[in-house]
Amino acid sequence: MHPGGHYPLQLLSPSVDNPDQRIATELELWSTSLAALLVSGAQSVFNILFYSLQTWLIMGWQARLYLRLLYLLWL
């Protein structure tokens, strides 16, 4: 590895000097961000499925046709 070619860590507090603590701090930040992203994605999928079901229950057989048309227009 050439000089200065190390990974720059984004520290939450400058008082952390131990490399193991730095890695743990980075992993905590990364895992928290990933969890928030996964929850947001799961909520979006649930909302789409839930409102599709509600539309189908309210409109009956015509809802399937309308939902497919909307899906094709969305692509």
PDB file of N, CA and C in Angstrom:
ATOM      1  N   MET A   1       0.851  -1.169   0.000  1.00  0.00           N
ATOM      2  CA  MET A   1       0.000   0.000   0.000  1.00  0.00           C
ATOM      3  C   MET A   1       0.901   1.238   0.000  1.00  0.00           C
ATOM      4  N   HIS A   2       0.641   2.159  -0.877  1.00  0.00           N
ATOM      5  CA  HIS A   2       1.459   3.359  -0.953  1.00  0.00           C
ATOM      6  C   HIS A   2       1.085   4.328   0.164  1.00  0.00           C
ATOM      7  N   PRO A   3       1.966   5.230   0.513  1.00  0.00           N
ATOM      8  CA  PRO A   3       1.678   6.173   1.598  1.00  0.00           C
ATOM      9  C   PRO A   3       0.448   7.024   1.289  1.00  0.00           C
ATOM     10  N   GLY A   4      -0.411   7.173   2.270  1.00  0.00           N
ATOM     11  CA  GLY A   4      -1.616   7.973   2.100  1.00  0.00           C
ATOM     12  C   GLY A   4      -2.742   7.223   1.410  1.00  0.00           C
ATOM     13  N   GLY A   5      -2.572   5.927   1.175  1.00  0.00           N
ATOM     14  CA  GLY A   5      -3.590   5.150   0.489  1.00  0.00           C
ATOM     15  C   GLY A   5      -4.504   4.405   1.442  1.00  0.00           C
ATOM     16  N   HIS A   6      -4.683   4.908   2.609  1.00  0.00           N
ATOM     17  CA  HIS A   6      -5.532   4.247   3.595  1.00  0.00           C
ATOM     18  C   HIS A   6      -6.976   4.728   3.472  1.00  0.00           C
ATOM     19  N   TYR A   7      -7.864   4.014   4.114  1.00  0.00           N
ATOM     20  CA  TYR A   7      -9.291   4.351   4.095  1.00  0.00           C
ATOM     21  C   TYR A   7      -9.554   5.462   5.095  1.00  0.00           C
ATOM     22  N   PRO A   8     -10.100   6.599   4.669  1.00  0.00           N
ATOM     23  CA  PRO A   8     -10.403   7.676   5.616  1.00  0.00           C
ATOM     24  C   PRO A   8     -11.690   7.372   6.387  1.00  0.00           C
ATOM     25  N   LEU A   9     -11.608   7.293   7.676  1.00  0.00           N
ATOM     26  CA  LEU A   9     -12.764   6.997   8.507  1.00  0.00           C
ATOM     27  C   LEU A   9     -13.502   8.282   8.859  1.00  0.00           C
ATOM     28  N   GLN A  10     -14.817   8.201   8.817  1.00  0.00           N
ATOM     29  CA  GLN A  10     -15.638   9.330   9.230  1.00  0.00           C
ATOM     30  C   GLN A  10     -16.012   9.098  10.685  1.00  0.00           C
ATOM     31  N   LEU A  11     -15.370   9.798  11.542  1.00  0.00           N
ATOM     32  CA  LEU A  11     -15.586   9.588  12.965  1.00  0.00           C
ATOM     33  C   LEU A  11     -16.718  10.450  13.484  1.00  0.00           C
ATOM     34  N   LEU A  12     -17.472   9.879  14.391  1.00  0.00           N
ATOM     35  CA  LEU A  12     -18.538  10.654  15.023  1.00  0.00           C
ATOM     36  C   LEU A  12     -17.965  11.588  16.086  1.00  0.00           C
ATOM     37  N   SER A  13     -16.897  11.145  16.721  1.00  0.00           N
ATOM     38  CA  SER A  13     -16.243  11.995  17.719  1.00  0.00           C
ATOM     39  C   SER A  13     -14.731  11.885  17.528  1.00  0.00           C
ATOM     40  N   PRO A  14     -14.021  12.997  17.588  1.00  0.00           N
ATOM     41  CA  PRO A  14     -12.579  12.957  17.370  1.00  0.00           C
ATOM     42  C   PRO A  14     -11.804  12.329  18.526  1.00  0.00           C
ATOM     43  N   SER A  15     -12.473  11.972  19.620  1.00  0.00           N
ATOM     44  CA  SER A  15     -11.770  11.411  20.766  1.00  0.00           C
ATOM     45  C   SER A  15     -11.463   9.923  20.590  1.00  0.00           C
ATOM     46  N   VAL A  16     -11.955   9.283  19.552  1.00  0.00           N
ATOM     47  CA  VAL A  16     -11.714   7.864  19.339  1.00  0.00           C
ATOM     48  C   VAL A  16     -10.391   7.697  18.615  1.00  0.00           C
ATOM     49  N   ASP A  17      -9.411   7.070  19.272  1.00  0.00           N
ATOM     50  CA  ASP A  17      -8.087   6.902  18.682  1.00  0.00           C
ATOM     51  C   ASP A  17      -7.761   5.453  18.359  1.00  0.00           C
ATOM     52  N   ASN A  18      -8.482   4.517  18.942  1.00  0.00           N
ATOM     53  CA  ASN A  18      -8.230   3.106  18.729  1.00  0.00           C
ATOM     54  C   ASN A  18      -8.822   2.686  17.385  1.00  0.00           C
ATOM     55  N   PRO A  19      -8.030   2.016  16.520  1.00  0.00           N
ATOM     56  CA  PRO A  19      -8.570   1.591  15.220  1.00  0.00           C
ATOM     57  C   PRO A  19      -9.784   0.669  15.343  1.00  0.00           C
ATOM     58  N   ASP A  20      -9.803  -0.184  16.358  1.00  0.00           N
ATOM     59  CA  ASP A  20     -10.962  -1.059  16.556  1.00  0.00           C
ATOM     60  C   ASP A  20     -12.202  -0.242  16.889  1.00  0.00           C
ATOM     61  N   GLN A  21     -12.029   0.798  17.665  1.00  0.00           N
ATOM     62  CA  GLN A  21     -13.162   1.667  17.992  1.00  0.00           C
ATOM     63  C   GLN A  21     -13.630   2.433  16.754  1.00  0.00           C
ATOM     64  N   ARG A  22     -12.699   2.809  15.916  1.00  0.00           N
ATOM     65  CA  ARG A  22     -13.065   3.512  14.686  1.00  0.00           C
ATOM     66  C   ARG A  22     -13.903   2.619  13.780  1.00  0.00           C
ATOM     67  N   ILE A  23     -13.468   1.368  13.636  1.00  0.00           N
ATOM     68  CA  ILE A  23     -14.218   0.428  12.796  1.00  0.00           C
ATOM     69  C   ILE A  23     -15.593   0.171  13.391  1.00  0.00           C
ATOM     70  N   ALA A  24     -15.667   0.000  14.706  1.00  0.00           N
ATOM     71  CA  ALA A  24     -16.951  -0.232  15.358  1.00  0.00           C
ATOM     72  C   ALA A  24     -17.882   0.962  15.174  1.00  0.00           C
ATOM     73  N   THR A  25     -17.329   2.155  15.246  1.00  0.00           N
ATOM     74  CA  THR A  25     -18.131   3.360  15.053  1.00  0.00           C
ATOM     75  C   THR A  25     -18.650   3.443  13.624  1.00  0.00           C
ATOM     76  N   GLU A  26     -17.808   3.122  12.652  1.00  0.00           N
ATOM     77  CA  GLU A  26     -18.225   3.124  11.246  1.00  0.00           C
ATOM     78  C   GLU A  26     -19.285   2.063  10.988  1.00  0.00           C
ATOM     79  N   LEU A  27     -19.119   0.871  11.556  1.00  0.00           N
ATOM     80  CA  LEU A  27     -20.098  -0.191  11.360  1.00  0.00           C
ATOM     81  C   LEU A  27     -21.440   0.161  11.984  1.00  0.00           C
ATOM     82  N   GLU A  28     -21.422   0.818  13.124  1.00  0.00           N
ATOM     83  CA  GLU A  28     -22.667   1.230  13.759  1.00  0.00           C
ATOM     84  C   GLU A  28     -23.407   2.244  12.890  1.00  0.00           C
ATOM     85  N   LEU A  29     -22.672   3.203  12.354  1.00  0.00           N
ATOM     86  CA  LEU A  29     -23.272   4.208  11.472  1.00  0.00           C
ATOM     87  C   LEU A  29     -23.837   3.557  10.207  1.00  0.00           C
ATOM     88  N   TRP A  30     -23.062   2.633   9.628  1.00  0.00           N
ATOM     89  CA  TRP A  30     -23.488   1.957   8.408  1.00  0.00           C
ATOM     90  C   TRP A  30     -24.716   1.094   8.655  1.00  0.00           C
ATOM     91  N   SER A  31     -24.726   0.329   9.742  1.00  0.00           N
ATOM     92  CA  SER A  31     -25.857  -0.558  10.012  1.00  0.00           C
ATOM     93  C   SER A  31     -27.123   0.231  10.342  1.00  0.00           C
ATOM     94  N   THR A  32     -26.992   1.354  11.015  1.00  0.00           N
ATOM     95  CA  THR A  32     -28.149   2.197  11.305  1.00  0.00           C
ATOM     96  C   THR A  32     -28.736   2.762  10.013  1.00  0.00           C
ATOM     97  N   SER A  33     -27.888   3.200   9.116  1.00  0.00           N
ATOM     98  CA  SER A  33     -28.358   3.732   7.829  1.00  0.00           C
ATOM     99  C   SER A  33     -29.012   2.639   6.987  1.00  0.00           C
ATOM    100  N   LEU A  34     -28.416   1.453   6.988  1.00  0.00           N
ATOM    101  CA  LEU A  34     -28.977   0.341   6.223  1.00  0.00           C
ATOM    102  C   LEU A  34     -30.339  -0.069   6.776  1.00  0.00           C
ATOM    103  N   ALA A  35     -30.479  -0.114   8.091  1.00  0.00           N
ATOM    104  CA  ALA A  35     -31.759  -0.473   8.706  1.00  0.00           C
ATOM    105  C   ALA A  35     -32.842   0.542   8.333  1.00  0.00           C
ATOM    106  N   ALA A  36     -32.506   1.818   8.347  1.00  0.00           N
ATOM    107  CA  ALA A  36     -33.477   2.850   7.970  1.00  0.00           C
ATOM    108  C   ALA A  36     -33.887   2.701   6.509  1.00  0.00           C
ATOM    109  N   LEU A  37     -32.933   2.380   5.651  1.00  0.00           N
ATOM    110  CA  LEU A  37     -33.233   2.185   4.232  1.00  0.00           C
ATOM    111  C   LEU A  37     -34.143   0.980   4.019  1.00  0.00           C
ATOM    112  N   LEU A  38     -33.872  -0.120   4.714  1.00  0.00           N
ATOM    113  CA  LEU A  38     -34.695  -1.316   4.566  1.00  0.00           C
ATOM    114  C   LEU A  38     -36.113  -1.100   5.087  1.00  0.00           C
ATOM    115  N   VAL A  39     -36.247  -0.392   6.189  1.00  0.00           N
ATOM    116  CA  VAL A  39     -37.583  -0.105   6.731  1.00  0.00           C
ATOM    117  C   VAL A  39     -38.359   0.770   5.755  1.00  0.00           C
ATOM    118  N   SER A  40     -37.710   1.754   5.191  1.00  0.00           N
ATOM    119  CA  SER A  40     -38.367   2.633   4.228  1.00  0.00           C
ATOM    120  C   SER A  40     -38.811   1.853   2.988  1.00  0.00           C
ATOM    121  N   GLY A  41     -37.968   0.973   2.499  1.00  0.00           N
ATOM    122  CA  GLY A  41     -38.320   0.159   1.338  1.00  0.00           C
ATOM    123  C   GLY A  41     -39.464  -0.789   1.633  1.00  0.00           C
ATOM    124  N   ALA A  42     -39.455  -1.409   2.813  1.00  0.00           N
ATOM    125  CA  ALA A  42     -40.533  -2.326   3.194  1.00  0.00           C
ATOM    126  C   ALA A  42     -41.859  -1.579   3.331  1.00  0.00           C
ATOM    127  N   GLN A  43     -41.820  -0.381   3.873  1.00  0.00           N
ATOM    128  CA  GLN A  43     -43.040   0.415   3.994  1.00  0.00           C
ATOM    129  C   GLN A  43     -43.596   0.777   2.621  1.00  0.00           C
ATOM    130  N   SER A  44     -42.730   1.089   1.688  1.00  0.00           N
ATOM    131  CA  SER A  44     -43.187   1.446   0.335  1.00  0.00           C
ATOM    132  C   SER A  44     -43.869   0.264  -0.335  1.00  0.00           C
ATOM    133  N   VAL A  45     -43.254  -0.913  -0.236  1.00  0.00           N
ATOM    134  CA  VAL A  45     -43.853  -2.110  -0.840  1.00  0.00           C
ATOM    135  C   VAL A  45     -45.196  -2.418  -0.172  1.00  0.00           C
ATOM    136  N   PHE A  46     -45.242  -2.329   1.152  1.00  0.00           N
ATOM    137  CA  PHE A  46     -46.497  -2.584   1.864  1.00  0.00           C
ATOM    138  C   PHE A  46     -47.582  -1.606   1.431  1.00  0.00           C
ATOM    139  N   ASN A  47     -47.243  -0.333   1.302  1.00  0.00           N
ATOM    140  CA  ASN A  47     -48.241   0.668   0.882  1.00  0.00           C
ATOM    141  C   ASN A  47     -48.790   0.368  -0.504  1.00  0.00           C
ATOM    142  N   ILE A  48     -47.925  -0.011  -1.418  1.00  0.00           N
ATOM    143  CA  ILE A  48     -48.382  -0.333  -2.774  1.00  0.00           C
ATOM    144  C   ILE A  48     -49.321  -1.530  -2.744  1.00  0.00           C
ATOM    145  N   LEU A  49     -48.945  -2.585  -2.020  1.00  0.00           N
ATOM    146  CA  LEU A  49     -49.796  -3.775  -1.949  1.00  0.00           C
ATOM    147  C   LEU A  49     -51.110  -3.482  -1.230  1.00  0.00           C
ATOM    148  N   PHE A  50     -51.054  -2.731  -0.159  1.00  0.00           N
ATOM    149  CA  PHE A  50     -52.259  -2.434   0.611  1.00  0.00           C
ATOM    150  C   PHE A  50     -53.251  -1.609  -0.203  1.00  0.00           C
ATOM    151  N   TYR A  51     -52.775  -0.552  -0.862  1.00  0.00           N
ATOM    152  CA  TYR A  51     -53.686   0.286  -1.630  1.00  0.00           C
ATOM    153  C   TYR A  51     -54.174  -0.418  -2.893  1.00  0.00           C
ATOM    154  N   SER A  52     -53.381  -1.324  -3.439  1.00  0.00           N
ATOM    155  CA  SER A  52     -53.860  -2.131  -4.559  1.00  0.00           C
ATOM    156  C   SER A  52     -55.004  -3.035  -4.101  1.00  0.00           C
ATOM    157  N   LEU A  53     -54.854  -3.645  -2.929  1.00  0.00           N
ATOM    158  CA  LEU A  53     -55.915  -4.489  -2.387  1.00  0.00           C
ATOM    159  C   LEU A  53     -57.171  -3.677  -2.097  1.00  0.00           C
ATOM    160  N   GLN A  54     -56.999  -2.509  -1.505  1.00  0.00           N
ATOM    161  CA  GLN A  54     -58.157  -1.668  -1.208  1.00  0.00           C
ATOM    162  C   GLN A  54     -58.874  -1.239  -2.483  1.00  0.00           C
ATOM    163  N   THR A  55     -58.121  -0.906  -3.513  1.00  0.00           N
ATOM    164  CA  THR A  55     -58.719  -0.527  -4.790  1.00  0.00           C
ATOM    165  C   THR A  55     -59.494  -1.699  -5.379  1.00  0.00           C
ATOM    166  N   TRP A  56     -58.921  -2.900  -5.288  1.00  0.00           N
ATOM    167  CA  TRP A  56     -59.587  -4.083  -5.811  1.00  0.00           C
ATOM    168  C   TRP A  56     -60.876  -4.368  -5.048  1.00  0.00           C
ATOM    169  N   LEU A  57     -60.845  -4.209  -3.729  1.00  0.00           N
ATOM    170  CA  LEU A  57     -62.047  -4.463  -2.932  1.00  0.00           C
ATOM    171  C   LEU A  57     -63.150  -3.437  -3.205  1.00  0.00           C
ATOM    172  N   ILE A  58     -62.769  -2.199  -3.446  1.00  0.00           N
ATOM    173  CA  ILE A  58     -63.764  -1.147  -3.686  1.00  0.00           C
ATOM    174  C   ILE A  58     -64.334  -1.246  -5.104  1.00  0.00           C
ATOM    175  N   MET A  59     -63.486  -1.488  -6.090  1.00  0.00           N
ATOM    176  CA  MET A  59     -63.920  -1.422  -7.485  1.00  0.00           C
ATOM    177  C   MET A  59     -64.305  -2.774  -8.065  1.00  0.00           C
ATOM    178  N   GLY A  60     -63.970  -3.860  -7.432  1.00  0.00           N
ATOM    179  CA  GLY A  60     -64.325  -5.174  -7.955  1.00  0.00           C
ATOM    180  C   GLY A  60     -63.387  -5.612  -9.067  1.00  0.00           C
ATOM    181  N   TRP A  61     -63.936  -6.313 -10.066  1.00  0.00           N
ATOM    182  CA  TRP A  61     -63.124  -6.900 -11.125  1.00  0.00           C
ATOM    183  C   TRP A  61     -62.449  -5.851 -11.992  1.00  0.00           C
ATOM    184  N   GLN A  62     -63.008  -4.650 -12.080  1.00  0.00           N
ATOM    185  CA  GLN A  62     -62.435  -3.594 -12.919  1.00  0.00           C
ATOM    186  C   GLN A  62     -61.113  -3.080 -12.355  1.00  0.00           C
ATOM    187  N   ALA A  63     -60.904  -3.249 -11.079  1.00  0.00           N
ATOM    188  CA  ALA A  63     -59.683  -2.747 -10.452  1.00  0.00           C
ATOM    189  C   ALA A  63     -58.448  -3.416 -11.031  1.00  0.00           C
ATOM    190  N   ARG A  64     -58.537  -4.718 -11.317  1.00  0.00           N
ATOM    191  CA  ARG A  64     -57.374  -5.417 -11.888  1.00  0.00           C
ATOM    192  C   ARG A  64     -56.962  -4.793 -13.214  1.00  0.00           C
ATOM    193  N   LEU A  65     -57.945  -4.447 -14.038  1.00  0.00           N
ATOM    194  CA  LEU A  65     -57.673  -3.820 -15.326  1.00  0.00           C
ATOM    195  C   LEU A  65     -57.034  -2.450 -15.135  1.00  0.00           C
ATOM    196  N   TYR A  66     -57.603  -1.636 -14.245  1.00  0.00           N
ATOM    197  CA  TYR A  66     -57.069  -0.295 -13.999  1.00  0.00           C
ATOM    198  C   TYR A  66     -55.663  -0.345 -13.402  1.00  0.00           C
ATOM    199  N   LEU A  67     -55.444  -1.268 -12.477  1.00  0.00           N
ATOM    200  CA  LEU A  67     -54.121  -1.373 -11.867  1.00  0.00           C
ATOM    201  C   LEU A  67     -53.070  -1.809 -12.882  1.00  0.00           C
ATOM    202  N   ARG A  68     -53.440  -2.723 -13.776  1.00  0.00           N
ATOM    203  CA  ARG A  68     -52.485  -3.143 -14.813  1.00  0.00           C
ATOM    204  C   ARG A  68     -52.190  -2.003 -15.787  1.00  0.00           C
ATOM    205  N   LEU A  69     -53.208  -1.227 -16.130  1.00  0.00           N
ATOM    206  CA  LEU A  69     -52.987  -0.084 -17.018  1.00  0.00           C
ATOM    207  C   LEU A  69     -52.076   0.962 -16.352  1.00  0.00           C
ATOM    208  N   LEU A  70     -52.323   1.220 -15.080  1.00  0.00           N
ATOM    209  CA  LEU A  70     -51.462   2.156 -14.366  1.00  0.00           C
ATOM    210  C   LEU A  70     -50.034   1.658 -14.271  1.00  0.00           C
ATOM    211  N   TYR A  71     -49.880   0.355 -14.058  1.00  0.00           N
ATOM    212  CA  TYR A  71     -48.542  -0.227 -13.992  1.00  0.00           C
ATOM    213  C   TYR A  71     -47.824  -0.086 -15.325  1.00  0.00           C
ATOM    214  N   LEU A  72     -48.546  -0.352 -16.436  1.00  0.00           N
ATOM    215  CA  LEU A  72     -47.917  -0.213 -17.748  1.00  0.00           C
ATOM    216  C   LEU A  72     -47.548   1.235 -18.043  1.00  0.00           C
ATOM    217  N   LEU A  73     -48.382   2.170 -17.615  1.00  0.00           N
ATOM    218  CA  LEU A  73     -48.057   3.590 -17.832  1.00  0.00           C
ATOM    219  C   LEU A  73     -46.879   4.021 -16.975  1.00  0.00           C
ATOM    220  N   TRP A  74     -46.755   3.406 -15.797  1.00  0.00           N
ATOM    221  CA  TRP A  74     -45.674   3.775 -14.878  1.00  0.00           C
ATOM    222  C   TRP A  74     -44.319   3.326 -15.402  1.00  0.00           C
ATOM    223  N   LEU A  75     -44.282   2.187 -16.105  1.00  0.00           N
ATOM    224  CA  LEU A  75     -43.020   1.698 -16.669  1.00  0.00           C
ATOM    225  C   LEU A  75     -42.563   2.640 -17.728  1.00  0.00           C
TER     226      LEU A  75
END
